[in-house]
Amino acid sequence: RRQWVGLLYVLPAVALVTVFFVIPLGMTAWMSLHNWPLMGEHTFIGLDNYFAILRDTRFWNALKFTAYYT
């Protein structure tokens, strides 16, 4: 009985973390594996977005700039 009361106290916090953190994080991971235009069909492209950012010089410059100023 006492365990159920404790779980009821924690349930709202778990629900909020799930709705505002876990679900958006999962959707972000899922969308990052797709070409997802604002209009039209999305297509699965796998890790191509990640490979593209590793080849982008603007990403590396921004990373250097951020590391320097932090």
PDB file of N, CA and C in Angstrom:
ATOM      1  N   ARG A   1       0.833  -1.210   0.000  1.00  0.00           N
ATOM      2  CA  ARG A   1       0.000   0.000   0.000  1.00  0.00           C
ATOM      3  C   ARG A   1       0.864   1.256   0.000  1.00  0.00           C
ATOM      4  N   ARG A   2       1.896   1.290   0.851  1.00  0.00           N
ATOM      5  CA  ARG A   2       2.759   2.474   0.926  1.00  0.00           C
ATOM      6  C   ARG A   2       3.521   2.682  -0.381  1.00  0.00           C
ATOM      7  N   GLN A   3       3.880   1.586  -1.026  1.00  0.00           N
ATOM      8  CA  GLN A   3       4.610   1.698  -2.290  1.00  0.00           C
ATOM      9  C   GLN A   3       3.745   2.362  -3.357  1.00  0.00           C
ATOM     10  N   TRP A   4       2.471   2.040  -3.399  1.00  0.00           N
ATOM     11  CA  TRP A   4       1.581   2.636  -4.389  1.00  0.00           C
ATOM     12  C   TRP A   4       1.418   4.128  -4.159  1.00  0.00           C
ATOM     13  N   VAL A   5       1.382   4.542  -2.903  1.00  0.00           N
ATOM     14  CA  VAL A   5       1.260   5.968  -2.600  1.00  0.00           C
ATOM     15  C   VAL A   5       2.503   6.706  -3.093  1.00  0.00           C
ATOM     16  N   GLY A   6       3.675   6.133  -2.854  1.00  0.00           N
ATOM     17  CA  GLY A   6       4.916   6.739  -3.339  1.00  0.00           C
ATOM     18  C   GLY A   6       4.953   6.830  -4.855  1.00  0.00           C
ATOM     19  N   LEU A   7       4.493   5.788  -5.509  1.00  0.00           N
ATOM     20  CA  LEU A   7       4.457   5.806  -6.972  1.00  0.00           C
ATOM     21  C   LEU A   7       3.499   6.867  -7.495  1.00  0.00           C
ATOM     22  N   LEU A   8       2.400   7.079  -6.795  1.00  0.00           N
ATOM     23  CA  LEU A   8       1.456   8.121  -7.210  1.00  0.00           C
ATOM     24  C   LEU A   8       2.062   9.514  -7.077  1.00  0.00           C
ATOM     25  N   TYR A   9       2.930   9.704  -6.085  1.00  0.00           N
ATOM     26  CA  TYR A   9       3.600  10.993  -5.940  1.00  0.00           C
ATOM     27  C   TYR A   9       4.604  11.230  -7.070  1.00  0.00           C
ATOM     28  N   VAL A  10       5.243  10.184  -7.525  1.00  0.00           N
ATOM     29  CA  VAL A  10       6.275  10.296  -8.554  1.00  0.00           C
ATOM     30  C   VAL A  10       5.676  10.339  -9.957  1.00  0.00           C
ATOM     31  N   LEU A  11       4.508   9.798 -10.139  1.00  0.00           N
ATOM     32  CA  LEU A  11       3.892   9.681 -11.461  1.00  0.00           C
ATOM     33  C   LEU A  11       3.780  11.002 -12.219  1.00  0.00           C
ATOM     34  N   PRO A  12       3.356  12.119 -11.612  1.00  0.00           N
ATOM     35  CA  PRO A  12       3.303  13.374 -12.379  1.00  0.00           C
ATOM     36  C   PRO A  12       4.673  13.814 -12.895  1.00  0.00           C
ATOM     37  N   ALA A  13       5.706  13.642 -12.087  1.00  0.00           N
ATOM     38  CA  ALA A  13       7.051  14.019 -12.530  1.00  0.00           C
ATOM     39  C   ALA A  13       7.513  13.128 -13.676  1.00  0.00           C
ATOM     40  N   VAL A  14       7.246  11.851 -13.573  1.00  0.00           N
ATOM     41  CA  VAL A  14       7.619  10.922 -14.646  1.00  0.00           C
ATOM     42  C   VAL A  14       6.865  11.264 -15.924  1.00  0.00           C
ATOM     43  N   ALA A  15       5.601  11.604 -15.802  1.00  0.00           N
ATOM     44  CA  ALA A  15       4.808  11.976 -16.978  1.00  0.00           C
ATOM     45  C   ALA A  15       5.361  13.239 -17.631  1.00  0.00           C
ATOM     46  N   LEU A  16       5.718  14.238 -16.824  1.00  0.00           N
ATOM     47  CA  LEU A  16       6.267  15.479 -17.385  1.00  0.00           C
ATOM     48  C   LEU A  16       7.607  15.246 -18.066  1.00  0.00           C
ATOM     49  N   VAL A  17       8.476  14.470 -17.442  1.00  0.00           N
ATOM     50  CA  VAL A  17       9.777  14.172 -18.056  1.00  0.00           C
ATOM     51  C   VAL A  17       9.576  13.413 -19.360  1.00  0.00           C
ATOM     52  N   THR A  18       8.643  12.489 -19.371  1.00  0.00           N
ATOM     53  CA  THR A  18       8.380  11.720 -20.589  1.00  0.00           C
ATOM     54  C   THR A  18       7.855  12.613 -21.704  1.00  0.00           C
ATOM     55  N   VAL A  19       6.882  13.459 -21.386  1.00  0.00           N
ATOM     56  CA  VAL A  19       6.251  14.297 -22.409  1.00  0.00           C
ATOM     57  C   VAL A  19       7.195  15.377 -22.917  1.00  0.00           C
ATOM     58  N   PHE A  20       7.965  15.999 -22.019  1.00  0.00           N
ATOM     59  CA  PHE A  20       8.770  17.146 -22.420  1.00  0.00           C
ATOM     60  C   PHE A  20      10.236  16.829 -22.677  1.00  0.00           C
ATOM     61  N   PHE A  21      10.693  15.595 -22.403  1.00  0.00           N
ATOM     62  CA  PHE A  21      12.088  15.257 -22.656  1.00  0.00           C
ATOM     63  C   PHE A  21      12.247  13.981 -23.471  1.00  0.00           C
ATOM     64  N   VAL A  22      11.690  12.897 -23.016  1.00  0.00           N
ATOM     65  CA  VAL A  22      11.926  11.599 -23.657  1.00  0.00           C
ATOM     66  C   VAL A  22      11.316  11.548 -25.056  1.00  0.00           C
ATOM     67  N   ILE A  23      10.065  11.943 -25.194  1.00  0.00           N
ATOM     68  CA  ILE A  23       9.408  11.897 -26.509  1.00  0.00           C
ATOM     69  C   ILE A  23      10.066  12.856 -27.502  1.00  0.00           C
ATOM     70  N   PRO A  24      10.327  14.134 -27.136  1.00  0.00           N
ATOM     71  CA  PRO A  24      11.017  15.007 -28.092  1.00  0.00           C
ATOM     72  C   PRO A  24      12.418  14.515 -28.459  1.00  0.00           C
ATOM     73  N   LEU A  25      13.136  13.942 -27.501  1.00  0.00           N
ATOM     74  CA  LEU A  25      14.462  13.410 -27.802  1.00  0.00           C
ATOM     75  C   LEU A  25      14.371  12.254 -28.791  1.00  0.00           C
ATOM     76  N   GLY A  26      13.403  11.372 -28.600  1.00  0.00           N
ATOM     77  CA  GLY A  26      13.206  10.266 -29.534  1.00  0.00           C
ATOM     78  C   GLY A  26      12.798  10.743 -30.913  1.00  0.00           C
ATOM     79  N   MET A  27      11.908  11.733 -30.968  1.00  0.00           N
ATOM     80  CA  MET A  27      11.490  12.280 -32.265  1.00  0.00           C
ATOM     81  C   MET A  27      12.658  12.958 -32.981  1.00  0.00           C
ATOM     82  N   THR A  28      13.497  13.656 -32.223  1.00  0.00           N
ATOM     83  CA  THR A  28      14.664  14.302 -32.817  1.00  0.00           C
ATOM     84  C   THR A  28      15.612  13.267 -33.407  1.00  0.00           C
ATOM     85  N   ALA A  29      15.854  12.200 -32.671  1.00  0.00           N
ATOM     86  CA  ALA A  29      16.721  11.135 -33.184  1.00  0.00           C
ATOM     87  C   ALA A  29      16.126  10.511 -34.442  1.00  0.00           C
ATOM     88  N   TRP A  30      14.826  10.263 -34.432  1.00  0.00           N
ATOM     89  CA  TRP A  30      14.153   9.669 -35.596  1.00  0.00           C
ATOM     90  C   TRP A  30      14.220  10.605 -36.802  1.00  0.00           C
ATOM     91  N   MET A  31      13.940  11.896 -36.577  1.00  0.00           N
ATOM     92  CA  MET A  31      13.934  12.853 -37.680  1.00  0.00           C
ATOM     93  C   MET A  31      15.338  13.089 -38.228  1.00  0.00           C
ATOM     94  N   SER A  32      16.366  12.934 -37.394  1.00  0.00           N
ATOM     95  CA  SER A  32      17.728  13.157 -37.873  1.00  0.00           C
ATOM     96  C   SER A  32      18.166  12.096 -38.871  1.00  0.00           C
ATOM     97  N   LEU A  33      17.476  10.992 -38.909  1.00  0.00           N
ATOM     98  CA  LEU A  33      17.803   9.920 -39.845  1.00  0.00           C
ATOM     99  C   LEU A  33      17.018  10.017 -41.146  1.00  0.00           C
ATOM    100  N   HIS A  34      16.291  11.115 -41.320  1.00  0.00           N
ATOM    101  CA  HIS A  34      15.455  11.315 -42.499  1.00  0.00           C
ATOM    102  C   HIS A  34      15.762  12.657 -43.153  1.00  0.00           C
ATOM    103  N   ASN A  35      15.453  12.751 -44.431  1.00  0.00           N
ATOM    104  CA  ASN A  35      15.378  14.043 -45.092  1.00  0.00           C
ATOM    105  C   ASN A  35      13.937  14.484 -44.893  1.00  0.00           C
ATOM    106  N   TRP A  36      13.723  15.503 -44.053  1.00  0.00           N
ATOM    107  CA  TRP A  36      12.383  15.846 -43.593  1.00  0.00           C
ATOM    108  C   TRP A  36      12.051  17.271 -44.009  1.00  0.00           C
ATOM    109  N   PRO A  37      11.571  17.472 -45.261  1.00  0.00           N
ATOM    110  CA  PRO A  37      11.223  18.826 -45.701  1.00  0.00           C
ATOM    111  C   PRO A  37       9.934  19.308 -45.032  1.00  0.00           C
ATOM    112  N   LEU A  38       9.726  20.616 -45.040  1.00  0.00           N
ATOM    113  CA  LEU A  38       8.499  21.158 -44.458  1.00  0.00           C
ATOM    114  C   LEU A  38       7.268  20.707 -45.224  1.00  0.00           C
ATOM    115  N   MET A  39       7.402  20.615 -46.524  1.00  0.00           N
ATOM    116  CA  MET A  39       6.288  20.175 -47.366  1.00  0.00           C
ATOM    117  C   MET A  39       6.729  18.917 -48.109  1.00  0.00           C
ATOM    118  N   GLY A  40       5.861  17.958 -48.213  1.00  0.00           N
ATOM    119  CA  GLY A  40       6.164  16.767 -48.990  1.00  0.00           C
ATOM    120  C   GLY A  40       6.576  15.590 -48.119  1.00  0.00           C
ATOM    121  N   GLU A  41       6.945  14.534 -48.793  1.00  0.00           N
ATOM    122  CA  GLU A  41       7.291  13.282 -48.136  1.00  0.00           C
ATOM    123  C   GLU A  41       8.681  13.333 -47.525  1.00  0.00           C
ATOM    124  N   HIS A  42       8.839  12.670 -46.403  1.00  0.00           N
ATOM    125  CA  HIS A  42      10.169  12.513 -45.833  1.00  0.00           C
ATOM    126  C   HIS A  42      10.727  11.167 -46.298  1.00  0.00           C
ATOM    127  N   THR A  43      12.039  11.135 -46.481  1.00  0.00           N
ATOM    128  CA  THR A  43      12.684   9.913 -46.943  1.00  0.00           C
ATOM    129  C   THR A  43      13.792   9.535 -45.972  1.00  0.00           C
ATOM    130  N   PHE A  44      13.948   8.246 -45.757  1.00  0.00           N
ATOM    131  CA  PHE A  44      14.978   7.739 -44.861  1.00  0.00           C
ATOM    132  C   PHE A  44      16.336   7.856 -45.542  1.00  0.00           C
ATOM    133  N   ILE A  45      17.299   8.485 -44.863  1.00  0.00           N
ATOM    134  CA  ILE A  45      18.645   8.612 -45.425  1.00  0.00           C
ATOM    135  C   ILE A  45      19.716   8.079 -44.482  1.00  0.00           C
ATOM    136  N   GLY A  46      19.324   7.528 -43.367  1.00  0.00           N
ATOM    137  CA  GLY A  46      20.280   6.922 -42.447  1.00  0.00           C
ATOM    138  C   GLY A  46      21.203   7.951 -41.818  1.00  0.00           C
ATOM    139  N   LEU A  47      22.481   7.671 -41.826  1.00  0.00           N
ATOM    140  CA  LEU A  47      23.469   8.536 -41.182  1.00  0.00           C
ATOM    141  C   LEU A  47      24.031   9.612 -42.101  1.00  0.00           C
ATOM    142  N   ASP A  48      23.442   9.813 -43.267  1.00  0.00           N
ATOM    143  CA  ASP A  48      23.958  10.798 -44.220  1.00  0.00           C
ATOM    144  C   ASP A  48      23.999  12.206 -43.638  1.00  0.00           C
ATOM    145  N   ASN A  49      23.023  12.583 -42.813  1.00  0.00           N
ATOM    146  CA  ASN A  49      23.054  13.913 -42.193  1.00  0.00           C
ATOM    147  C   ASN A  49      24.287  14.074 -41.308  1.00  0.00           C
ATOM    148  N   TYR A  50      24.644  13.025 -40.583  1.00  0.00           N
ATOM    149  CA  TYR A  50      25.810  13.094 -39.702  1.00  0.00           C
ATOM    150  C   TYR A  50      27.107  13.124 -40.503  1.00  0.00           C
ATOM    151  N   PHE A  51      27.168  12.356 -41.577  1.00  0.00           N
ATOM    152  CA  PHE A  51      28.357  12.399 -42.428  1.00  0.00           C
ATOM    153  C   PHE A  51      28.499  13.768 -43.087  1.00  0.00           C
ATOM    154  N   ALA A  52      27.385  14.378 -43.456  1.00  0.00           N
ATOM    155  CA  ALA A  52      27.423  15.702 -44.088  1.00  0.00           C
ATOM    156  C   ALA A  52      27.954  16.752 -43.125  1.00  0.00           C
ATOM    157  N   ILE A  53      27.554  16.695 -41.875  1.00  0.00           N
ATOM    158  CA  ILE A  53      28.029  17.706 -40.926  1.00  0.00           C
ATOM    159  C   ILE A  53      29.512  17.514 -40.613  1.00  0.00           C
ATOM    160  N   LEU A  54      29.992  16.285 -40.655  1.00  0.00           N
ATOM    161  CA  LEU A  54      31.416  16.047 -40.415  1.00  0.00           C
ATOM    162  C   LEU A  54      32.280  16.560 -41.563  1.00  0.00           C
ATOM    163  N   ARG A  55      31.707  16.683 -42.755  1.00  0.00           N
ATOM    164  CA  ARG A  55      32.437  17.221 -43.906  1.00  0.00           C
ATOM    165  C   ARG A  55      32.299  18.733 -44.036  1.00  0.00           C
ATOM    166  N   ASP A  56      31.431  19.348 -43.253  1.00  0.00           N
ATOM    167  CA  ASP A  56      31.138  20.776 -43.372  1.00  0.00           C
ATOM    168  C   ASP A  56      32.161  21.602 -42.593  1.00  0.00           C
ATOM    169  N   THR A  57      32.853  22.495 -43.284  1.00  0.00           N
ATOM    170  CA  THR A  57      33.868  23.321 -42.617  1.00  0.00           C
ATOM    171  C   THR A  57      33.242  24.320 -41.651  1.00  0.00           C
ATOM    172  N   ARG A  58      32.017  24.749 -41.916  1.00  0.00           N
ATOM    173  CA  ARG A  58      31.351  25.679 -40.983  1.00  0.00           C
ATOM    174  C   ARG A  58      31.127  25.028 -39.625  1.00  0.00           C
ATOM    175  N   PHE A  59      30.825  23.747 -39.606  1.00  0.00           N
ATOM    176  CA  PHE A  59      30.649  23.032 -38.342  1.00  0.00           C
ATOM    177  C   PHE A  59      31.941  23.034 -37.544  1.00  0.00           C
ATOM    178  N   TRP A  60      33.061  22.709 -38.210  1.00  0.00           N
ATOM    179  CA  TRP A  60      34.340  22.647 -37.500  1.00  0.00           C
ATOM    180  C   TRP A  60      34.781  24.028 -37.035  1.00  0.00           C
ATOM    181  N   ASN A  61      34.530  25.060 -37.841  1.00  0.00           N
ATOM    182  CA  ASN A  61      34.860  26.419 -37.411  1.00  0.00           C
ATOM    183  C   ASN A  61      34.023  26.832 -36.203  1.00  0.00           C
ATOM    184  N   ALA A  62      32.759  26.516 -36.222  1.00  0.00           N
ATOM    185  CA  ALA A  62      31.891  26.836 -35.085  1.00  0.00           C
ATOM    186  C   ALA A  62      32.319  26.071 -33.844  1.00  0.00           C
ATOM    187  N   LEU A  63      32.727  24.831 -34.014  1.00  0.00           N
ATOM    188  CA  LEU A  63      33.186  24.031 -32.883  1.00  0.00           C
ATOM    189  C   LEU A  63      34.469  24.607 -32.290  1.00  0.00           C
ATOM    190  N   LYS A  64      35.402  25.019 -33.158  1.00  0.00           N
ATOM    191  CA  LYS A  64      36.646  25.648 -32.676  1.00  0.00           C
ATOM    192  C   LYS A  64      36.350  26.950 -31.951  1.00  0.00           C
ATOM    193  N   PHE A  65      35.480  27.762 -32.519  1.00  0.00           N
ATOM    194  CA  PHE A  65      35.107  29.040 -31.916  1.00  0.00           C
ATOM    195  C   PHE A  65      34.480  28.822 -30.538  1.00  0.00           C
ATOM    196  N   THR A  66      33.578  27.864 -30.443  1.00  0.00           N
ATOM    197  CA  THR A  66      32.915  27.568 -29.173  1.00  0.00           C
ATOM    198  C   THR A  66      33.909  27.047 -28.145  1.00  0.00           C
ATOM    199  N   ALA A  67      34.790  26.158 -28.560  1.00  0.00           N
ATOM    200  CA  ALA A  67      35.786  25.611 -27.634  1.00  0.00           C
ATOM    201  C   ALA A  67      36.739  26.699 -27.154  1.00  0.00           C
ATOM    202  N   TYR A  68      37.096  27.614 -28.029  1.00  0.00           N
ATOM    203  CA  TYR A  68      38.014  28.696 -27.657  1.00  0.00           C
ATOM    204  C   TYR A  68      37.395  29.603 -26.602  1.00  0.00           C
ATOM    205  N   TYR A  69      36.133  29.962 -26.779  1.00  0.00           N
ATOM    206  CA  TYR A  69      35.495  30.911 -25.873  1.00  0.00           C
ATOM    207  C   TYR A  69      34.870  30.262 -24.643  1.00  0.00           C
ATOM    208  N   THR A  70      34.937  28.952 -24.551  1.00  0.00           N
ATOM    209  CA  THR A  70      34.481  28.310 -23.319  1.00  0.00           C
ATOM    210  C   THR A  70      35.681  27.814 -22.594  1.00  0.00           C
TER     211      THR A  70
END
